[in-house]
Amino acid sequence: MRNLEHARHRPRVIRNVRVLSRLAVVAGMVTMGGMLPLPASAQSTTAHIFGQAPAGETVLAQSSNGLHRHVTVDAKGRYNLRNLPMSTYTVSLQKDGKIVDTRANIPVTVGRGAEVDFACPDDHCAAASNG
């Protein structure tokens, strides 16, 4: 009698394994972008401010919401303040710890960048090369 009872439950276990196997295949297709369409989830929720300024100086950005960010201008005279939330910004150039130039009311919208350039000596923003 016990063997007969065990035999009755066996097909149910096999059926459950088959169902789980099918679910695993479908889940794999979904995560790999297979048959089932998925909505785009990599949409940007931030923006950036970029531009040219004298190499080695600091560019500061302050949003109308109070967010502060800063970055050092690279050797080629370029900077990029990334991952900024949508707002209106005041962008300033700082030299030797003092603000020397400012651009106000720079609107930044999600997924887009705003270019803000600052004057460079003799129109050359890159660092002078030795050699």
N, C-alpha and C. Protein backbone atom coordinates (compact mmCIF):
# COMPACT_ATOMS: atom_id res chain seq x y z
N MET A 1 0.81 -1.19 0.00
CA MET A 1 0.00 0.00 0.00
C MET A 1 0.86 1.26 0.00
N ARG A 2 1.92 1.20 0.75
CA ARG A 2 2.78 2.37 0.82
C ARG A 2 3.41 2.68 -0.54
N ASN A 3 3.84 1.68 -1.29
CA ASN A 3 4.42 1.89 -2.61
C ASN A 3 3.40 2.50 -3.56
N LEU A 4 2.17 2.11 -3.44
CA LEU A 4 1.11 2.65 -4.27
C LEU A 4 0.88 4.13 -3.96
N GLU A 5 0.92 4.50 -2.70
CA GLU A 5 0.73 5.88 -2.30
C GLU A 5 1.91 6.74 -2.78
N HIS A 6 3.11 6.19 -2.67
CA HIS A 6 4.29 6.91 -3.13
C HIS A 6 4.21 7.15 -4.64
N ALA A 7 3.74 6.21 -5.39
CA ALA A 7 3.61 6.32 -6.85
C ALA A 7 2.62 7.40 -7.24
N ARG A 8 1.58 7.59 -6.45
CA ARG A 8 0.60 8.63 -6.77
C ARG A 8 1.20 10.03 -6.65
N HIS A 9 2.10 10.22 -5.70
CA HIS A 9 2.68 11.55 -5.49
C HIS A 9 3.84 11.85 -6.44
N ARG A 10 4.42 10.84 -6.97
CA ARG A 10 5.57 11.02 -7.84
C ARG A 10 5.25 11.86 -9.09
N PRO A 11 4.18 11.61 -9.81
CA PRO A 11 3.90 12.44 -10.99
C PRO A 11 3.73 13.92 -10.64
N ARG A 12 3.17 14.21 -9.50
CA ARG A 12 2.98 15.60 -9.09
C ARG A 12 4.34 16.28 -8.91
N VAL A 13 5.31 15.60 -8.31
CA VAL A 13 6.65 16.15 -8.12
C VAL A 13 7.29 16.41 -9.48
N ILE A 14 7.17 15.46 -10.39
CA ILE A 14 7.74 15.63 -11.72
C ILE A 14 7.06 16.80 -12.43
N ARG A 15 5.76 16.91 -12.31
CA ARG A 15 5.04 18.02 -12.91
C ARG A 15 5.52 19.36 -12.35
N ASN A 16 5.72 19.44 -11.04
CA ASN A 16 6.20 20.67 -10.42
C ASN A 16 7.60 21.03 -10.90
N VAL A 17 8.44 20.03 -11.08
CA VAL A 17 9.79 20.28 -11.59
C VAL A 17 9.70 20.82 -13.01
N ARG A 18 8.83 20.27 -13.83
CA ARG A 18 8.67 20.74 -15.21
C ARG A 18 8.18 22.20 -15.23
N VAL A 19 7.23 22.51 -14.37
CA VAL A 19 6.71 23.88 -14.31
C VAL A 19 7.82 24.84 -13.89
N LEU A 20 8.58 24.46 -12.88
CA LEU A 20 9.67 25.31 -12.42
C LEU A 20 10.73 25.48 -13.51
N SER A 21 11.00 24.42 -14.26
CA SER A 21 11.97 24.50 -15.35
C SER A 21 11.51 25.48 -16.41
N ARG A 22 10.23 25.41 -16.75
CA ARG A 22 9.69 26.33 -17.75
C ARG A 22 9.75 27.78 -17.25
N LEU A 23 9.45 27.97 -15.97
CA LEU A 23 9.52 29.32 -15.41
C LEU A 23 10.94 29.85 -15.44
N ALA A 24 11.91 28.99 -15.18
CA ALA A 24 13.32 29.40 -15.22
C ALA A 24 13.72 29.81 -16.63
N VAL A 25 13.26 29.09 -17.63
CA VAL A 25 13.57 29.42 -19.03
C VAL A 25 12.96 30.78 -19.38
N VAL A 26 11.71 31.01 -19.01
CA VAL A 26 11.06 32.28 -19.30
C VAL A 26 11.77 33.42 -18.57
N ALA A 27 12.13 33.20 -17.32
CA ALA A 27 12.84 34.23 -16.56
C ALA A 27 14.18 34.55 -17.22
N GLY A 28 14.86 33.54 -17.71
CA GLY A 28 16.12 33.76 -18.41
C GLY A 28 15.94 34.57 -19.67
N MET A 29 14.87 34.31 -20.41
CA MET A 29 14.59 35.07 -21.63
C MET A 29 14.30 36.53 -21.30
N VAL A 30 13.58 36.75 -20.23
CA VAL A 30 13.23 38.12 -19.84
C VAL A 30 14.48 38.89 -19.47
N THR A 31 15.35 38.29 -18.66
CA THR A 31 16.55 39.01 -18.23
C THR A 31 17.55 39.19 -19.35
N MET A 32 17.51 38.34 -20.35
CA MET A 32 18.44 38.46 -21.47
C MET A 32 17.82 39.26 -22.61
N GLY A 33 16.64 39.77 -22.43
CA GLY A 33 16.00 40.55 -23.49
C GLY A 33 15.52 39.69 -24.63
N GLY A 34 15.17 38.45 -24.35
CA GLY A 34 14.75 37.51 -25.38
C GLY A 34 13.39 37.84 -25.94
N MET A 35 12.46 36.90 -25.81
CA MET A 35 11.17 37.01 -26.46
C MET A 35 10.28 38.09 -25.86
N LEU A 36 10.34 38.27 -24.56
CA LEU A 36 9.40 39.17 -23.92
C LEU A 36 9.94 40.60 -23.92
N PRO A 37 9.16 41.56 -24.39
CA PRO A 37 9.64 42.94 -24.42
C PRO A 37 9.69 43.52 -23.01
N LEU A 38 10.72 44.33 -22.78
CA LEU A 38 10.86 45.00 -21.49
C LEU A 38 10.91 46.51 -21.73
N PRO A 39 10.35 47.27 -20.82
CA PRO A 39 10.44 48.72 -20.97
C PRO A 39 11.89 49.17 -20.72
N ALA A 40 12.29 50.26 -21.36
CA ALA A 40 13.63 50.79 -21.16
C ALA A 40 13.73 51.35 -19.75
N SER A 41 14.72 50.87 -19.01
CA SER A 41 14.85 51.33 -17.64
C SER A 41 16.15 52.09 -17.43
N ALA A 42 16.90 52.33 -18.47
CA ALA A 42 18.17 53.02 -18.34
C ALA A 42 18.05 54.50 -18.69
N GLN A 43 16.89 55.06 -18.52
CA GLN A 43 16.69 56.45 -18.82
C GLN A 43 17.37 57.31 -17.77
N SER A 44 17.98 58.38 -18.22
CA SER A 44 18.71 59.26 -17.33
C SER A 44 17.76 60.11 -16.50
N THR A 45 18.14 60.36 -15.27
CA THR A 45 17.36 61.26 -14.42
C THR A 45 18.21 62.44 -13.99
N THR A 46 19.39 62.56 -14.59
CA THR A 46 20.30 63.65 -14.25
C THR A 46 20.82 64.31 -15.52
N ALA A 47 21.58 65.38 -15.33
CA ALA A 47 22.17 66.11 -16.44
C ALA A 47 23.60 66.49 -16.06
N HIS A 48 24.25 67.28 -16.90
CA HIS A 48 25.60 67.71 -16.57
C HIS A 48 25.87 69.11 -17.12
N ILE A 49 26.86 69.75 -16.51
CA ILE A 49 27.35 71.04 -16.97
C ILE A 49 28.80 70.81 -17.36
N PHE A 50 29.17 71.26 -18.55
CA PHE A 50 30.51 71.03 -19.06
C PHE A 50 31.02 72.27 -19.76
N GLY A 51 32.32 72.31 -20.03
CA GLY A 51 32.85 73.43 -20.77
C GLY A 51 34.35 73.53 -20.69
N GLN A 52 34.85 74.73 -21.03
CA GLN A 52 36.27 75.00 -21.00
C GLN A 52 36.56 76.09 -19.99
N ALA A 53 37.73 75.97 -19.39
CA ALA A 53 38.19 76.93 -18.41
C ALA A 53 39.71 76.74 -18.28
N PRO A 54 40.40 77.67 -17.64
CA PRO A 54 41.85 77.50 -17.49
C PRO A 54 42.19 76.21 -16.74
N ALA A 55 43.14 75.45 -17.29
CA ALA A 55 43.55 74.17 -16.69
C ALA A 55 43.99 74.36 -15.24
N GLY A 56 43.58 73.42 -14.40
CA GLY A 56 43.99 73.43 -12.99
C GLY A 56 43.10 74.25 -12.07
N GLU A 57 42.24 75.08 -12.64
CA GLU A 57 41.34 75.89 -11.80
C GLU A 57 40.14 75.05 -11.36
N THR A 58 39.29 75.60 -10.52
CA THR A 58 38.12 74.89 -10.00
C THR A 58 36.85 75.54 -10.52
N VAL A 59 35.90 74.70 -10.94
CA VAL A 59 34.58 75.18 -11.36
C VAL A 59 33.58 74.71 -10.32
N LEU A 60 32.78 75.65 -9.85
CA LEU A 60 31.75 75.37 -8.83
C LEU A 60 30.38 75.53 -9.44
N ALA A 61 29.45 74.67 -9.05
CA ALA A 61 28.05 74.79 -9.48
C ALA A 61 27.16 74.75 -8.25
N GLN A 62 26.24 75.71 -8.16
CA GLN A 62 25.29 75.74 -7.05
C GLN A 62 23.89 75.83 -7.64
N SER A 63 23.04 74.88 -7.24
CA SER A 63 21.67 74.87 -7.76
C SER A 63 20.79 75.80 -6.96
N SER A 64 19.65 76.14 -7.54
CA SER A 64 18.67 76.96 -6.83
C SER A 64 18.09 76.20 -5.64
N ASN A 65 18.30 74.87 -5.61
CA ASN A 65 17.83 74.04 -4.49
C ASN A 65 18.88 73.89 -3.39
N GLY A 66 20.06 74.51 -3.59
CA GLY A 66 21.09 74.46 -2.56
C GLY A 66 22.18 73.41 -2.77
N LEU A 67 22.12 72.64 -3.84
CA LEU A 67 23.13 71.63 -4.11
C LEU A 67 24.43 72.30 -4.55
N HIS A 68 25.56 71.85 -4.01
CA HIS A 68 26.87 72.38 -4.39
C HIS A 68 27.71 71.25 -4.98
N ARG A 69 28.37 71.51 -6.10
CA ARG A 69 29.32 70.55 -6.69
C ARG A 69 30.51 71.35 -7.21
N HIS A 70 31.67 70.71 -7.22
CA HIS A 70 32.85 71.35 -7.79
C HIS A 70 33.72 70.30 -8.49
N VAL A 71 34.55 70.78 -9.41
CA VAL A 71 35.45 69.90 -10.15
C VAL A 71 36.68 70.71 -10.55
N THR A 72 37.81 70.03 -10.64
CA THR A 72 39.03 70.67 -11.11
C THR A 72 39.10 70.52 -12.63
N VAL A 73 39.46 71.60 -13.30
CA VAL A 73 39.58 71.60 -14.76
C VAL A 73 40.80 70.75 -15.13
N ASP A 74 40.64 69.86 -16.12
CA ASP A 74 41.74 68.96 -16.50
C ASP A 74 42.83 69.70 -17.28
N ALA A 75 43.91 68.99 -17.60
CA ALA A 75 45.07 69.58 -18.27
C ALA A 75 44.75 70.10 -19.67
N LYS A 76 43.68 69.61 -20.27
CA LYS A 76 43.28 70.09 -21.61
C LYS A 76 42.34 71.29 -21.53
N GLY A 77 42.03 71.72 -20.31
CA GLY A 77 41.15 72.88 -20.13
C GLY A 77 39.68 72.54 -20.20
N ARG A 78 39.35 71.29 -19.89
CA ARG A 78 37.94 70.86 -19.94
C ARG A 78 37.47 70.44 -18.55
N TYR A 79 36.18 70.60 -18.33
CA TYR A 79 35.58 70.12 -17.08
C TYR A 79 34.19 69.56 -17.37
N ASN A 80 33.71 68.74 -16.47
CA ASN A 80 32.38 68.15 -16.61
C ASN A 80 31.83 67.85 -15.23
N LEU A 81 30.79 68.51 -14.86
CA LEU A 81 30.08 68.25 -13.61
C LEU A 81 28.92 67.33 -13.95
N ARG A 82 29.03 66.07 -13.56
CA ARG A 82 28.05 65.05 -13.93
C ARG A 82 27.01 64.81 -12.83
N ASN A 83 25.95 64.11 -13.23
CA ASN A 83 24.91 63.65 -12.31
C ASN A 83 24.27 64.79 -11.51
N LEU A 84 23.93 65.84 -12.19
CA LEU A 84 23.27 66.97 -11.55
C LEU A 84 21.75 66.84 -11.71
N PRO A 85 21.01 67.04 -10.64
CA PRO A 85 19.54 67.02 -10.78
C PRO A 85 19.05 68.27 -11.51
N MET A 86 17.88 68.15 -12.10
CA MET A 86 17.28 69.26 -12.82
C MET A 86 17.12 70.46 -11.88
N SER A 87 17.57 71.62 -12.33
CA SER A 87 17.48 72.85 -11.54
C SER A 87 18.05 73.99 -12.37
N THR A 88 18.12 75.16 -11.78
CA THR A 88 18.81 76.30 -12.36
C THR A 88 20.08 76.48 -11.53
N TYR A 89 21.22 76.65 -12.21
CA TYR A 89 22.51 76.68 -11.53
C TYR A 89 23.22 78.02 -11.73
N THR A 90 24.05 78.33 -10.74
CA THR A 90 25.03 79.39 -10.85
C THR A 90 26.37 78.68 -10.93
N VAL A 91 27.14 78.94 -12.00
CA VAL A 91 28.41 78.27 -12.23
C VAL A 91 29.51 79.32 -12.10
N SER A 92 30.52 79.02 -11.27
CA SER A 92 31.59 79.97 -11.00
C SER A 92 32.95 79.35 -11.24
N LEU A 93 33.89 80.21 -11.64
CA LEU A 93 35.28 79.82 -11.80
C LEU A 93 36.04 80.33 -10.59
N GLN A 94 36.78 79.44 -9.97
CA GLN A 94 37.53 79.79 -8.76
C GLN A 94 39.02 79.67 -9.05
N LYS A 95 39.77 80.72 -8.70
CA LYS A 95 41.22 80.72 -8.89
C LYS A 95 41.87 81.12 -7.57
N ASP A 96 42.78 80.28 -7.12
CA ASP A 96 43.47 80.52 -5.84
C ASP A 96 42.50 80.76 -4.69
N GLY A 97 41.40 80.01 -4.68
CA GLY A 97 40.42 80.09 -3.60
C GLY A 97 39.44 81.23 -3.69
N LYS A 98 39.52 82.04 -4.75
CA LYS A 98 38.61 83.18 -4.90
C LYS A 98 37.82 83.05 -6.20
N ILE A 99 36.55 83.42 -6.15
CA ILE A 99 35.71 83.38 -7.35
C ILE A 99 36.10 84.55 -8.25
N VAL A 100 36.45 84.24 -9.51
CA VAL A 100 36.89 85.27 -10.45
C VAL A 100 35.90 85.51 -11.59
N ASP A 101 34.95 84.59 -11.79
CA ASP A 101 33.96 84.76 -12.86
C ASP A 101 32.75 83.89 -12.53
N THR A 102 31.57 84.36 -12.90
CA THR A 102 30.32 83.64 -12.59
C THR A 102 29.34 83.75 -13.74
N ARG A 103 28.62 82.65 -13.97
CA ARG A 103 27.50 82.62 -14.92
C ARG A 103 26.27 82.22 -14.13
N ALA A 104 25.24 83.05 -14.16
CA ALA A 104 24.02 82.79 -13.38
C ALA A 104 22.89 82.30 -14.28
N ASN A 105 21.90 81.69 -13.66
CA ASN A 105 20.67 81.26 -14.32
C ASN A 105 20.91 80.29 -15.47
N ILE A 106 21.70 79.27 -15.21
CA ILE A 106 21.96 78.23 -16.20
C ILE A 106 20.94 77.11 -15.98
N PRO A 107 19.98 76.96 -16.91
CA PRO A 107 18.98 75.90 -16.73
C PRO A 107 19.56 74.54 -17.12
N VAL A 108 19.32 73.54 -16.28
CA VAL A 108 19.77 72.18 -16.55
C VAL A 108 18.55 71.28 -16.53
N THR A 109 18.33 70.57 -17.65
CA THR A 109 17.19 69.67 -17.74
C THR A 109 17.67 68.23 -17.84
N VAL A 110 16.84 67.33 -17.40
CA VAL A 110 17.18 65.91 -17.34
C VAL A 110 17.58 65.38 -18.71
N GLY A 111 18.68 64.62 -18.73
CA GLY A 111 19.13 63.99 -19.95
C GLY A 111 19.89 64.90 -20.90
N ARG A 112 20.12 66.13 -20.51
CA ARG A 112 20.81 67.08 -21.39
C ARG A 112 21.96 67.73 -20.63
N GLY A 113 22.86 68.31 -21.37
CA GLY A 113 23.97 69.03 -20.78
C GLY A 113 23.89 70.51 -21.10
N ALA A 114 24.52 71.31 -20.26
CA ALA A 114 24.59 72.75 -20.50
C ALA A 114 26.07 73.12 -20.60
N GLU A 115 26.45 73.79 -21.68
CA GLU A 115 27.84 74.19 -21.86
C GLU A 115 28.04 75.58 -21.28
N VAL A 116 29.05 75.69 -20.40
CA VAL A 116 29.41 76.96 -19.79
C VAL A 116 30.92 77.10 -19.90
N ASP A 117 31.37 78.04 -20.73
CA ASP A 117 32.80 78.26 -20.94
C ASP A 117 33.24 79.52 -20.20
N PHE A 118 34.49 79.48 -19.75
CA PHE A 118 35.10 80.63 -19.11
C PHE A 118 36.31 81.07 -19.94
N ALA A 119 36.61 82.36 -19.89
CA ALA A 119 37.73 82.90 -20.66
C ALA A 119 39.05 82.32 -20.15
N CYS A 120 39.94 82.08 -21.09
CA CYS A 120 41.26 81.54 -20.77
C CYS A 120 42.31 82.54 -21.25
N PRO A 121 43.46 82.59 -20.57
CA PRO A 121 44.51 83.52 -21.01
C PRO A 121 44.92 83.24 -22.45
N ASP A 122 44.94 84.27 -23.26
CA ASP A 122 45.29 84.17 -24.68
C ASP A 122 44.46 83.11 -25.41
N ASP A 123 43.26 82.86 -24.95
CA ASP A 123 42.34 81.88 -25.53
C ASP A 123 42.90 80.45 -25.55
N HIS A 124 43.81 80.13 -24.64
CA HIS A 124 44.38 78.80 -24.53
C HIS A 124 44.08 78.27 -23.14
N CYS A 125 43.15 77.30 -23.06
CA CYS A 125 42.75 76.76 -21.76
C CYS A 125 43.64 75.62 -21.30
N ALA A 126 44.29 74.94 -22.23
CA ALA A 126 45.12 73.79 -21.85
C ALA A 126 46.35 74.25 -21.09
N ALA A 127 46.84 73.37 -20.24
CA ALA A 127 48.04 73.66 -19.48
C ALA A 127 49.23 73.75 -20.42
N ALA A 128 50.15 74.62 -20.11
CA ALA A 128 51.35 74.75 -20.94
C ALA A 128 52.17 73.47 -20.84
N SER A 129 52.60 72.97 -21.99
CA SER A 129 53.40 71.73 -21.98
C SER A 129 54.86 72.08 -21.90
N ASN A 130 55.57 71.26 -21.16
CA ASN A 130 57.02 71.45 -21.01
C ASN A 130 57.73 70.53 -21.97
N GLY A 131 58.26 71.03 -23.00
CA GLY A 131 59.03 70.15 -23.87
C GLY A 131 58.76 70.39 -25.26
